[in-house]
Protein backbone atom coordinates (compact mmCIF):
# COMPACT_ATOMS: atom_id res chain seq x y z
CA MET A 1 0.29 6.92 14.07
CA SER A 2 -0.23 7.64 10.41
CA LEU A 3 1.12 7.12 6.94
CA THR A 4 0.83 9.39 3.93
CA VAL A 5 0.84 8.43 0.27
CA ASP A 6 2.04 10.45 -2.70
CA PRO A 7 0.36 10.62 -5.14
CA PRO A 8 -2.97 9.76 -3.44
CA ALA A 9 -4.55 8.61 -6.73
CA ALA A 10 -3.49 7.42 -10.17
CA GLN A 11 -4.83 7.28 -13.70
CA VAL A 12 -3.56 4.41 -15.82
CA PRO A 13 -4.47 3.24 -19.32
CA ALA A 14 -7.02 0.40 -19.36
CA ALA A 15 -4.69 -1.27 -21.87
CA GLY A 16 -2.05 -1.51 -19.14
CA GLY A 17 0.51 0.66 -17.40
CA LYS A 18 2.38 1.40 -14.18
CA SER A 19 2.10 3.85 -11.34
CA THR A 20 4.56 4.45 -8.51
CA HIS A 21 3.51 5.70 -5.08
CA THR A 22 5.57 6.67 -2.03
CA LEU A 23 4.40 5.73 1.45
CA ALA A 24 5.87 8.05 4.09
CA ASN A 25 6.04 7.40 7.83
CA PRO A 26 6.29 10.78 9.60
CA GLY A 27 6.15 9.13 13.03
CA GLU A 28 8.78 7.91 15.45
CA ALA A 29 7.84 4.21 15.36
CA LYS A 30 8.60 1.58 12.72
CA MET A 31 5.44 0.62 10.82
CA VAL A 32 4.37 -2.53 8.98
CA PHE A 33 1.88 -2.45 6.09
CA LYS A 34 -0.26 -4.67 3.88
CA VAL A 35 -1.84 -3.60 0.58
CA LYS A 36 -5.28 -4.86 -0.48
CA SER A 37 -6.80 -4.30 -3.92
CA SER A 38 -10.43 -4.05 -5.02
CA ASN A 39 -9.38 -5.67 -8.31
CA ASN A 40 -6.84 -8.49 -8.24
CA ASN A 41 -7.59 -9.44 -11.85
CA GLU A 42 -6.13 -6.31 -13.45
CA TYR A 43 -3.77 -4.95 -10.77
CA ARG A 44 -0.52 -6.19 -9.26
CA VAL A 45 1.22 -4.45 -6.36
CA ASN A 46 4.82 -4.79 -5.25
CA PRO A 47 5.46 -5.13 -2.37
CA VAL A 48 2.21 -6.38 -0.81
CA TYR A 49 3.77 -6.36 2.70
CA GLY A 50 6.58 -4.19 4.00
CA PHE A 51 8.16 -2.14 6.76
CA ILE A 52 8.67 1.63 6.91
CA ASP A 53 11.30 2.96 9.31
CA PRO A 54 10.60 6.04 11.46
CA ALA A 55 10.73 9.17 9.26
CA GLY A 56 11.27 6.79 6.31
CA ASN A 57 9.64 5.95 3.00
CA ALA A 58 8.62 2.88 1.02
CA THR A 59 7.85 2.71 -2.69
CA LEU A 60 4.80 0.88 -4.05
CA GLU A 61 4.78 -0.13 -7.70
CA VAL A 62 1.29 -0.66 -9.10
CA THR A 63 0.97 -2.50 -12.42
CA ARG A 64 -2.28 -2.39 -14.39
CA LEU A 65 -2.85 -5.31 -16.77
CA ALA A 66 -5.10 -4.93 -19.84
CA GLY A 67 -8.78 -4.98 -18.96
CA PRO A 68 -12.01 -2.99 -19.16
CA PRO A 69 -11.95 0.66 -18.02
CA LYS A 70 -13.14 1.07 -14.44
CA GLU A 71 -12.56 2.70 -11.07
CA ASP A 72 -10.70 0.68 -8.43
CA LYS A 73 -8.78 1.28 -5.23
CA LEU A 74 -5.92 0.05 -3.14
CA VAL A 75 -6.22 0.15 0.64
CA VAL A 76 -2.97 0.25 2.60
CA HIS A 77 -3.52 -1.18 6.09
CA PHE A 78 -0.78 -0.31 8.59
CA GLY A 79 0.18 -0.49 12.22
CA PRO A 80 3.16 -0.44 14.59
CA ALA A 81 5.71 -3.12 13.78
CA PRO A 82 6.66 -5.57 16.54
CA ALA A 83 10.13 -4.64 17.83
CA ASP A 84 11.94 -7.81 16.69
CA ALA A 85 10.04 -8.35 13.42
CA THR A 86 11.94 -9.32 10.27
CA ASP A 87 9.12 -10.87 8.17
CA ALA A 88 6.55 -8.20 7.23
CA GLN A 89 3.77 -10.67 6.41
CA ALA A 90 4.10 -12.44 9.76
CA ALA A 91 4.52 -9.14 11.62
CA PHE A 92 1.38 -7.63 10.12
CA GLY A 93 -0.61 -10.59 11.41
CA GLN A 94 0.53 -9.74 14.95
CA VAL A 95 -0.82 -6.16 14.89
CA PRO A 96 -4.14 -5.99 16.80
CA ALA A 97 -7.06 -4.64 14.73
CA GLU A 98 -7.58 -1.73 17.12
CA GLN A 99 -4.00 -0.55 16.43
CA GLN A 100 -4.40 -0.59 12.63
CA GLY A 101 -5.08 2.36 10.37
CA ASN A 102 -5.59 2.56 6.63
CA ILE A 103 -5.20 4.90 3.69
CA THR A 104 -6.86 4.56 0.28
CA ILE A 105 -5.26 5.06 -3.14
CA GLY A 106 -7.78 5.71 -5.91
CA LEU A 107 -7.11 4.01 -9.25
CA SER A 108 -8.80 5.04 -12.49
CA ALA A 109 -8.28 3.02 -15.67
CA THR A 110 -9.42 4.87 -18.79
C-alpha cells in the first residue's frame, strides 16, 4: 500500500502562486486520502479529501496566498478505502490508524 507524488516538492513565490501535484496509486486497491498543511494561513489545497482508483491518479492544486517567505509542508495521509464508500471525508475517518500511510510534499515560499 503506497502512494507517490509528482513533483515531491514545490517552490512558490511568497507573494502568491499555484502548484499542481499528481498523486498516483500504483496498487490494486482503491485508496482514500486527506491532506494536512503545516500552514493553513498561507496555503489552500483542493481537494482536501479524495479517492484514488487502483492504478489511478488524483490531482492536488496547492494555492499559496501572499505572506512571509518560509518553508512549509503538506502531509498526505492515505489508506484503503472502504468498499462501499462514496464520501471521502467520512471514509477516511473509518480507516484504522494502523492501516494509514503518509507522504510529505515540501513547500518553499521565496
